[in-house]
C-alpha atoms as a PDB file:
ATOM      1  CA  MET A   1       0.000   0.000   0.000  1.00  0.00           C
ATOM      2  CA  ALA A   2       1.259   3.508  -0.869  1.00  0.00           C
ATOM      3  CA  GLN A   3       2.452   5.627   2.001  1.00  0.00           C
ATOM      4  CA  THR A   4       2.368   9.332   2.778  1.00  0.00           C
ATOM      5  CA  HIS A   5       3.138  11.652   5.674  1.00  0.00           C
ATOM      6  CA  PHE A   6       0.959  12.643   8.598  1.00  0.00           C
ATOM      7  CA  GLY A   7       3.087  15.374  10.092  1.00  0.00           C
ATOM      8  CA  PHE A   8       6.492  13.747  10.538  1.00  0.00           C
ATOM      9  CA  GLU A   9       4.929  10.284  10.771  1.00  0.00           C
ATOM     10  CA  THR A  10       4.782   7.927   7.771  1.00  0.00           C
ATOM     11  CA  VAL A  11       1.370   6.289   7.368  1.00  0.00           C
ATOM     12  CA  ASP A  12      -0.586   4.349   4.759  1.00  0.00           C
ATOM     13  CA  GLU A  13      -2.421   6.700   2.398  1.00  0.00           C
ATOM     14  CA  ALA A  14      -5.749   5.202   3.435  1.00  0.00           C
ATOM     15  CA  GLN A  15      -5.074   6.184   7.048  1.00  0.00           C
ATOM     16  CA  LYS A  16      -4.215   9.859   6.520  1.00  0.00           C
ATOM     17  CA  ALA A  17      -7.745  11.150   5.882  1.00  0.00           C
ATOM     18  CA  GLN A  18      -8.973   9.324   8.994  1.00  0.00           C
ATOM     19  CA  LYS A  19      -6.179  10.788  11.109  1.00  0.00           C
ATOM     20  CA  VAL A  20      -6.776  14.317   9.806  1.00  0.00           C
ATOM     21  CA  ARG A  21     -10.493  13.907  10.472  1.00  0.00           C
ATOM     22  CA  ALA A  22      -9.752  12.863  14.050  1.00  0.00           C
ATOM     23  CA  VAL A  23      -7.590  15.983  14.537  1.00  0.00           C
ATOM     24  CA  PHE A  24     -10.368  18.327  13.461  1.00  0.00           C
ATOM     25  CA  ASP A  25     -13.067  16.388  15.288  1.00  0.00           C
ATOM     26  CA  SER A  26     -11.016  17.047  18.409  1.00  0.00           C
ATOM     27  CA  VAL A  27     -10.446  20.774  17.872  1.00  0.00           C
ATOM     28  CA  ALA A  28     -13.662  21.856  16.092  1.00  0.00           C
ATOM     29  CA  ALA A  29     -15.365  23.415  19.126  1.00  0.00           C
ATOM     30  CA  ARG A  30     -12.364  25.626  19.959  1.00  0.00           C
ATOM     31  CA  TYR A  31     -10.900  25.992  16.493  1.00  0.00           C
ATOM     32  CA  ASP A  32     -11.435  29.743  16.101  1.00  0.00           C
ATOM     33  CA  LEU A  33     -10.399  30.523  19.657  1.00  0.00           C
ATOM     34  CA  MET A  34      -7.164  28.605  19.149  1.00  0.00           C
ATOM     35  CA  ASN A  35      -6.541  30.371  15.831  1.00  0.00           C
ATOM     36  CA  ASP A  36      -6.838  33.717  17.614  1.00  0.00           C
ATOM     37  CA  LEU A  37      -4.486  32.628  20.390  1.00  0.00           C
ATOM     38  CA  LEU A  38      -1.875  30.981  18.180  1.00  0.00           C
ATOM     39  CA  SER A  39      -1.701  33.766  15.602  1.00  0.00           C
ATOM     40  CA  GLY A  40      -2.363  36.704  17.914  1.00  0.00           C
ATOM     41  CA  GLY A  41      -5.443  37.368  15.795  1.00  0.00           C
ATOM     42  CA  LEU A  42      -3.378  37.690  12.603  1.00  0.00           C
ATOM     43  CA  HIS A  43      -5.312  34.889  10.882  1.00  0.00           C
ATOM     44  CA  ARG A  44      -8.214  37.335  10.574  1.00  0.00           C
ATOM     45  CA  ALA A  45      -5.997  39.846   8.752  1.00  0.00           C
ATOM     46  CA  TRP A  46      -4.647  37.124   6.436  1.00  0.00           C
ATOM     47  CA  LYS A  47      -8.177  36.036   5.529  1.00  0.00           C
ATOM     48  CA  ALA A  48      -9.315  39.638   5.064  1.00  0.00           C
ATOM     49  CA  TYR A  49      -6.390  40.151   2.679  1.00  0.00           C
ATOM     50  CA  ALA A  50      -7.413  37.044   0.699  1.00  0.00           C
ATOM     51  CA  VAL A  51     -10.990  38.327   0.470  1.00  0.00           C
ATOM     52  CA  ALA A  52      -9.753  41.713  -0.777  1.00  0.00           C
ATOM     53  CA  VAL A  53      -7.532  40.097  -3.415  1.00  0.00           C
ATOM     54  CA  ALA A  54     -10.401  37.839  -4.543  1.00  0.00           C
ATOM     55  CA  GLY A  55     -12.409  40.820  -5.788  1.00  0.00           C
ATOM     56  CA  VAL A  56     -15.700  38.945  -5.626  1.00  0.00           C
ATOM     57  CA  GLN A  57     -18.585  40.729  -7.357  1.00  0.00           C
ATOM     58  CA  PRO A  58     -22.393  40.427  -7.081  1.00  0.00           C
ATOM     59  CA  GLY A  59     -23.745  37.394  -8.909  1.00  0.00           C
ATOM     60  CA  MET A  60     -20.543  35.347  -8.753  1.00  0.00           C
ATOM     61  CA  GLN A  61     -20.428  31.627  -7.974  1.00  0.00           C
ATOM     62  CA  VAL A  62     -17.901  30.783  -5.224  1.00  0.00           C
ATOM     63  CA  LEU A  63     -16.737  27.456  -3.807  1.00  0.00           C
ATOM     64  CA  ASP A  64     -14.983  27.463  -0.422  1.00  0.00           C
ATOM     65  CA  ILE A  65     -13.121  24.168   0.096  1.00  0.00           C
ATOM     66  CA  ALA A  66     -12.075  23.018   3.581  1.00  0.00           C
ATOM     67  CA  GLY A  67     -14.033  26.060   4.715  1.00  0.00           C
ATOM     68  CA  GLY A  68     -14.462  24.793   8.260  1.00  0.00           C
ATOM     69  CA  THR A  69     -16.063  27.391  10.477  1.00  0.00           C
ATOM     70  CA  GLY A  70     -17.043  29.607   7.549  1.00  0.00           C
ATOM     71  CA  ASP A  71     -14.893  32.762   7.822  1.00  0.00           C
ATOM     72  CA  LEU A  72     -14.274  33.150   4.097  1.00  0.00           C
ATOM     73  CA  ALA A  73     -17.699  31.854   3.078  1.00  0.00           C
ATOM     74  CA  ARG A  74     -19.371  34.502   5.252  1.00  0.00           C
ATOM     75  CA  ALA A  75     -17.344  37.305   3.668  1.00  0.00           C
ATOM     76  CA  PHE A  76     -17.927  36.039   0.127  1.00  0.00           C
ATOM     77  CA  ALA A  77     -21.671  35.574   0.731  1.00  0.00           C
ATOM     78  CA  ARG A  78     -22.041  39.250   1.578  1.00  0.00           C
ATOM     79  CA  GLN A  79     -20.261  40.177  -1.646  1.00  0.00           C
ATOM     80  CA  VAL A  80     -22.094  37.913  -4.110  1.00  0.00           C
ATOM     81  CA  GLY A  81     -25.480  39.113  -2.883  1.00  0.00           C
ATOM     82  CA  GLU A  82     -28.820  37.514  -3.672  1.00  0.00           C
ATOM     83  CA  THR A  83     -27.908  36.813  -7.301  1.00  0.00           C
ATOM     84  CA  GLY A  84     -24.751  34.871  -6.471  1.00  0.00           C
ATOM     85  CA  ARG A  85     -23.980  31.667  -4.604  1.00  0.00           C
ATOM     86  CA  VAL A  86     -21.374  30.531  -2.100  1.00  0.00           C
ATOM     87  CA  VAL A  87     -20.979  26.807  -1.393  1.00  0.00           C
ATOM     88  CA  LEU A  88     -19.202  25.867   1.846  1.00  0.00           C
ATOM     89  CA  THR A  89     -17.512  22.461   1.915  1.00  0.00           C
ATOM     90  CA  ASP A  90     -15.314  20.498   4.283  1.00  0.00           C
ATOM     91  CA  ILE A  91     -14.328  16.853   4.601  1.00  0.00           C
ATOM     92  CA  ASN A  92     -14.902  17.103   8.342  1.00  0.00           C
ATOM     93  CA  GLU A  93     -18.551  17.079   9.388  1.00  0.00           C
ATOM     94  CA  ALA A  94     -17.859  18.447  12.880  1.00  0.00           C
ATOM     95  CA  MET A  95     -16.081  21.501  11.470  1.00  0.00           C
ATOM     96  CA  LEU A  96     -18.779  22.035   8.851  1.00  0.00           C
ATOM     97  CA  ARG A  97     -21.485  21.829  11.490  1.00  0.00           C
ATOM     98  CA  VAL A  98     -19.797  24.565  13.525  1.00  0.00           C
ATOM     99  CA  GLY A  99     -19.502  26.729  10.415  1.00  0.00           C
ATOM    100  CA  ARG A 100     -23.105  26.156   9.329  1.00  0.00           C
ATOM    101  CA  ASP A 101     -24.483  26.967  12.772  1.00  0.00           C
ATOM    102  CA  ARG A 102     -22.385  30.110  13.018  1.00  0.00           C
ATOM    103  CA  LEU A 103     -23.607  31.300   9.617  1.00  0.00           C
ATOM    104  CA  LEU A 104     -27.212  30.599  10.585  1.00  0.00           C
ATOM    105  CA  ASP A 105     -26.749  32.650  13.748  1.00  0.00           C
ATOM    106  CA  GLN A 106     -25.749  35.546  11.494  1.00  0.00           C
ATOM    107  CA  GLY A 107     -28.719  35.102   9.184  1.00  0.00           C
ATOM    108  CA  LEU A 108     -26.828  33.402   6.343  1.00  0.00           C
ATOM    109  CA  VAL A 109     -28.154  30.182   4.814  1.00  0.00           C
ATOM    110  CA  LEU A 110     -25.525  28.696   2.502  1.00  0.00           C
ATOM    111  CA  PRO A 111     -25.312  25.320   0.774  1.00  0.00           C
ATOM    112  CA  THR A 112     -22.984  23.135   2.856  1.00  0.00           C
ATOM    113  CA  VAL A 113     -21.481  19.928   1.513  1.00  0.00           C
ATOM    114  CA  VAL A 114     -19.357  17.302   3.256  1.00  0.00           C
ATOM    115  CA  CYS A 115     -16.861  16.276   0.585  1.00  0.00           C
ATOM    116  CA  ASP A 116     -13.239  15.445  -0.142  1.00  0.00           C
ATOM    117  CA  GLY A 117     -11.281  18.198  -1.885  1.00  0.00           C
ATOM    118  CA  GLU A 118      -9.632  15.527  -4.022  1.00  0.00           C
ATOM    119  CA  ARG A 119     -13.015  14.378  -5.402  1.00  0.00           C
ATOM    120  CA  LEU A 120     -15.336  17.361  -5.708  1.00  0.00           C
ATOM    121  CA  PRO A 121     -19.008  16.516  -6.415  1.00  0.00           C
ATOM    122  CA  PHE A 122     -19.497  19.394  -8.858  1.00  0.00           C
ATOM    123  CA  PRO A 123     -19.678  19.506 -12.690  1.00  0.00           C
ATOM    124  CA  ASP A 124     -16.849  20.619 -14.942  1.00  0.00           C
ATOM    125  CA  GLY A 125     -16.552  24.361 -15.399  1.00  0.00           C
ATOM    126  CA  SER A 126     -15.311  24.179 -18.981  1.00  0.00           C
ATOM    127  CA  GLY A 127     -18.688  25.268 -20.345  1.00  0.00           C
ATOM    128  CA  GLY A 128     -18.134  28.829 -19.123  1.00  0.00           C
ATOM    129  CA  ARG A 129     -21.111  31.192 -19.232  1.00  0.00           C
ATOM    130  CA  ALA A 130     -24.125  30.673 -21.445  1.00  0.00           C
ATOM    131  CA  ALA A 131     -24.509  32.685 -24.660  1.00  0.00           C
ATOM    132  CA  ASP A 132     -26.936  35.068 -22.963  1.00  0.00           C
ATOM    133  CA  GLY A 133     -24.359  35.819 -20.250  1.00  0.00           C
ATOM    134  CA  SER A 134     -26.147  33.815 -17.553  1.00  0.00           C
ATOM    135  CA  ALA A 135     -24.225  31.485 -15.259  1.00  0.00           C
ATOM    136  CA  GLY A 136     -23.368  28.133 -16.763  1.00  0.00           C
ATOM    137  CA  PRO A 137     -21.652  25.250 -14.963  1.00  0.00           C
ATOM    138  CA  GLY A 138     -18.590  25.970 -12.914  1.00  0.00           C
ATOM    139  CA  PHE A 139     -17.422  28.498 -10.353  1.00  0.00           C
ATOM    140  CA  ASP A 140     -15.916  31.955 -10.768  1.00  0.00           C
ATOM    141  CA  LEU A 141     -13.766  31.509  -7.673  1.00  0.00           C
ATOM    142  CA  VAL A 142     -12.505  28.586  -5.597  1.00  0.00           C
ATOM    143  CA  SER A 143     -10.855  29.227  -2.242  1.00  0.00           C
ATOM    144  CA  VAL A 144      -9.041  26.971   0.199  1.00  0.00           C
ATOM    145  CA  ALA A 145      -7.598  28.469   3.382  1.00  0.00           C
ATOM    146  CA  PHE A 146      -5.258  26.421   5.579  1.00  0.00           C
ATOM    147  CA  GLY A 147      -6.666  23.182   4.189  1.00  0.00           C
ATOM    148  CA  LEU A 148      -4.510  22.109   1.257  1.00  0.00           C
ATOM    149  CA  ARG A 149      -1.625  20.888   3.413  1.00  0.00           C
ATOM    150  CA  ASN A 150      -3.946  18.328   5.051  1.00  0.00           C
ATOM    151  CA  MET A 151      -4.857  16.702   1.730  1.00  0.00           C
ATOM    152  CA  THR A 152      -3.099  13.459   0.820  1.00  0.00           C
ATOM    153  CA  HIS A 153      -2.862  14.046  -2.940  1.00  0.00           C
ATOM    154  CA  LYS A 154      -2.371  17.781  -3.332  1.00  0.00           C
ATOM    155  CA  GLU A 155      -1.815  17.549  -7.093  1.00  0.00           C
ATOM    156  CA  ALA A 156      -5.133  15.739  -7.518  1.00  0.00           C
ATOM    157  CA  ALA A 157      -6.905  18.310  -5.341  1.00  0.00           C
ATOM    158  CA  LEU A 158      -5.499  21.194  -7.398  1.00  0.00           C
ATOM    159  CA  ARG A 159      -6.614  19.501 -10.626  1.00  0.00           C
ATOM    160  CA  GLU A 160     -10.103  19.130  -9.168  1.00  0.00           C
ATOM    161  CA  MET A 161     -10.167  22.807  -8.238  1.00  0.00           C
ATOM    162  CA  ALA A 162      -9.154  23.708 -11.786  1.00  0.00           C
ATOM    163  CA  ARG A 163     -11.775  21.345 -13.204  1.00  0.00           C
ATOM    164  CA  VAL A 164     -14.730  23.003 -11.457  1.00  0.00           C
ATOM    165  CA  LEU A 165     -13.640  26.558 -12.333  1.00  0.00           C
ATOM    166  CA  ARG A 166     -14.796  28.372 -15.444  1.00  0.00           C
ATOM    167  CA  PRO A 167     -12.068  29.385 -17.915  1.00  0.00           C
ATOM    168  CA  GLY A 168     -10.512  32.515 -16.470  1.00  0.00           C
ATOM    169  CA  GLY A 169     -11.800  31.644 -13.006  1.00  0.00           C
ATOM    170  CA  ARG A 170      -9.459  32.033 -10.060  1.00  0.00           C
ATOM    171  CA  LEU A 171      -8.162  29.805  -7.291  1.00  0.00           C
ATOM    172  CA  LEU A 172      -7.038  31.301  -3.974  1.00  0.00           C
ATOM    173  CA  VAL A 173      -4.823  29.118  -1.787  1.00  0.00           C
ATOM    174  CA  LEU A 174      -4.083  30.677   1.600  1.00  0.00           C
ATOM    175  CA  GLU A 175      -1.659  28.440   3.448  1.00  0.00           C
ATOM    176  CA  PHE A 176       1.268  28.327   5.827  1.00  0.00           C
ATOM    177  CA  SER A 177       4.611  28.493   4.055  1.00  0.00           C
ATOM    178  CA  GLN A 178       8.314  28.804   4.843  1.00  0.00           C
ATOM    179  CA  PRO A 179       9.386  31.935   6.745  1.00  0.00           C
ATOM    180  CA  ALA A 180      12.365  34.103   5.942  1.00  0.00           C
ATOM    181  CA  ALA A 181      15.683  32.744   7.235  1.00  0.00           C
ATOM    182  CA  ALA A 182      15.872  35.233  10.111  1.00  0.00           C
ATOM    183  CA  LEU A 183      12.520  34.007  11.463  1.00  0.00           C
ATOM    184  CA  ARG A 184      13.067  30.267  11.257  1.00  0.00           C
ATOM    185  CA  LYS A 185      14.630  29.596  14.653  1.00  0.00           C
ATOM    186  CA  PRO A 186      12.109  31.619  16.697  1.00  0.00           C
ATOM    187  CA  TYR A 187       9.281  30.259  14.541  1.00  0.00           C
ATOM    188  CA  ASP A 188      10.414  26.674  15.133  1.00  0.00           C
ATOM    189  CA  TRP A 189      10.681  27.306  18.876  1.00  0.00           C
ATOM    190  CA  TYR A 190       7.190  28.781  18.964  1.00  0.00           C
ATOM    191  CA  SER A 191       5.741  25.993  16.798  1.00  0.00           C
ATOM    192  CA  PHE A 192       7.137  23.039  18.739  1.00  0.00           C
ATOM    193  CA  GLN A 193       7.295  24.436  22.263  1.00  0.00           C
ATOM    194  CA  VAL A 194       4.406  26.891  22.598  1.00  0.00           C
ATOM    195  CA  MET A 195       1.724  25.619  20.214  1.00  0.00           C
ATOM    196  CA  PRO A 196       1.359  22.109  21.704  1.00  0.00           C
ATOM    197  CA  ARG A 197       1.255  23.560  25.227  1.00  0.00           C
ATOM    198  CA  LEU A 198      -1.485  26.006  24.272  1.00  0.00           C
ATOM    199  CA  GLY A 199      -3.322  23.149  22.606  1.00  0.00           C
ATOM    200  CA  ARG A 200      -3.179  21.129  25.818  1.00  0.00           C
ATOM    201  CA  TRP A 201      -4.211  24.009  28.099  1.00  0.00           C
ATOM    202  CA  VAL A 202      -7.018  25.463  25.966  1.00  0.00           C
ATOM    203  CA  ALA A 203      -8.295  22.639  23.759  1.00  0.00           C
ATOM    204  CA  GLY A 204      -7.157  19.673  25.883  1.00  0.00           C
ATOM    205  CA  ASP A 205      -5.222  18.328  22.910  1.00  0.00           C
ATOM    206  CA  ALA A 206      -1.469  18.833  22.510  1.00  0.00           C
ATOM    207  CA  ASP A 207      -1.059  16.165  19.810  1.00  0.00           C
ATOM    208  CA  SER A 208      -3.305  17.915  17.274  1.00  0.00           C
ATOM    209  CA  TYR A 209      -1.283  21.107  17.539  1.00  0.00           C
ATOM    210  CA  ARG A 210       1.974  19.200  17.333  1.00  0.00           C
ATOM    211  CA  TYR A 211       0.607  17.734  14.088  1.00  0.00           C
ATOM    212  CA  LEU A 212      -0.206  21.275  12.918  1.00  0.00           C
ATOM    213  CA  ALA A 213       3.423  22.337  13.381  1.00  0.00           C
ATOM    214  CA  GLU A 214       4.707  19.212  11.641  1.00  0.00           C
ATOM    215  CA  SER A 215       2.265  19.449   8.731  1.00  0.00           C
ATOM    216  CA  ILE A 216       3.447  22.984   7.979  1.00  0.00           C
ATOM    217  CA  ARG A 217       7.046  21.750   7.635  1.00  0.00           C
ATOM    218  CA  MET A 218       5.955  18.964   5.272  1.00  0.00           C
ATOM    219  CA  HIS A 219       3.958  21.307   3.011  1.00  0.00           C
ATOM    220  CA  PRO A 220       5.571  22.517  -0.255  1.00  0.00           C
ATOM    221  CA  ASP A 221       7.183  25.935  -0.087  1.00  0.00           C
ATOM    222  CA  ALA A 222       5.775  28.867  -2.058  1.00  0.00           C
ATOM    223  CA  ALA A 223       7.796  28.212  -5.222  1.00  0.00           C
ATOM    224  CA  ALA A 224       6.974  24.501  -5.250  1.00  0.00           C
ATOM    225  CA  LEU A 225       3.259  25.143  -4.729  1.00  0.00           C
ATOM    226  CA  LYS A 226       3.267  27.689  -7.559  1.00  0.00           C
ATOM    227  CA  ALA A 227       4.771  25.054  -9.880  1.00  0.00           C
ATOM    228  CA  MET A 228       2.172  22.497  -8.752  1.00  0.00           C
ATOM    229  CA  MET A 229      -0.651  24.934  -9.544  1.00  0.00           C
ATOM    230  CA  LYS A 230       0.726  25.566 -13.015  1.00  0.00           C
ATOM    231  CA  ASP A 231       0.954  21.825 -13.634  1.00  0.00           C
ATOM    232  CA  ALA A 232      -2.686  21.498 -12.523  1.00  0.00           C
ATOM    233  CA  GLY A 233      -3.968  23.884 -15.187  1.00  0.00           C
ATOM    234  CA  PHE A 234      -3.441  27.405 -13.897  1.00  0.00           C
ATOM    235  CA  GLY A 235      -1.766  29.478 -16.594  1.00  0.00           C
ATOM    236  CA  HIS A 236      -0.750  32.328 -14.314  1.00  0.00           C
ATOM    237  CA  VAL A 237      -0.011  32.174 -10.586  1.00  0.00           C
ATOM    238  CA  ASP A 238       0.815  35.116  -8.320  1.00  0.00           C
ATOM    239  CA  VAL A 239       2.325  34.607  -4.870  1.00  0.00           C
ATOM    240  CA  HIS A 240       1.709  37.055  -2.019  1.00  0.00           C
ATOM    241  CA  ARG A 241       3.997  36.368   0.946  1.00  0.00           C
ATOM    242  CA  LEU A 242       2.595  37.513   4.288  1.00  0.00           C
ATOM    243  CA  ALA A 243       4.048  37.767   7.809  1.00  0.00           C
ATOM    244  CA  GLY A 244       7.634  37.341   6.665  1.00  0.00           C
ATOM    245  CA  GLY A 245       6.755  34.304   4.586  1.00  0.00           C
ATOM    246  CA  ILE A 246       5.028  32.403   7.403  1.00  0.00           C
ATOM    247  CA  VAL A 247       1.874  32.510   5.276  1.00  0.00           C
ATOM    248  CA  ALA A 248       1.493  32.754   1.486  1.00  0.00           C
ATOM    249  CA  LEU A 249      -1.520  33.507  -0.684  1.00  0.00           C
ATOM    250  CA  HIS A 250      -1.317  31.878  -4.119  1.00  0.00           C
ATOM    251  CA  VAL A 251      -3.703  33.223  -6.777  1.00  0.00           C
ATOM    252  CA  GLY A 252      -4.047  31.096  -9.898  1.00  0.00           C
ATOM    253  CA  ILE A 253      -6.004  31.820 -13.093  1.00  0.00           C
ATOM    254  CA  ARG A 254      -7.498  28.781 -14.833  1.00  0.00           C
ATOM    255  CA  CYS A 255      -6.502  28.362 -18.474  1.00  0.00           C
END
């Protein structure tokens, strides 16, 4: 059986999705609180930057993959208005439930779908818009924030994201990356010493946050991810490095 990584651990490919699901089942209830604590609230600024770069307009069709508790979906829903659509998806039902309930509390009713980012249950977007300008199959924008690194077959997931986009549609990948050299030692200390301790004290789960630190180190760096996106069908890819390279926003345009 083929093997892959789960953090620094080597596991059978069939086991990784189950292990990732268990991580997010464990942290779902305190996911946003922990994000605020671990990033000092910066994750909100990173997501706001991604939303600004997305340039979503009224009437657009948006797919938010691994959308979890719904931060990006909520922002996009306000921008597409009544004539547009935002679909919130996640492979983890516990995370999606938290996101759906939070959106409902704010008066937003969005389609929510439990699905694997490597096998999206949506039609091809190659048909573009209909001759009369109305929406045909496919999405104008696909977003995935801090979710790609948890996927077993990242190349397959990126091809799926390209498949469901209309020609000229855009993919936004907001993800942890590799910091500048001067930041690496303090960042490593914080990641492996502080994050698991905070996870234990606040969420009662040190192992999940140790996995988080490890999964970031196993994720492709910004240049490698850009090359992967081009191979998946994105003709142009811009990279926006944030927080000294700790986070990167990749913006790809589908051929």
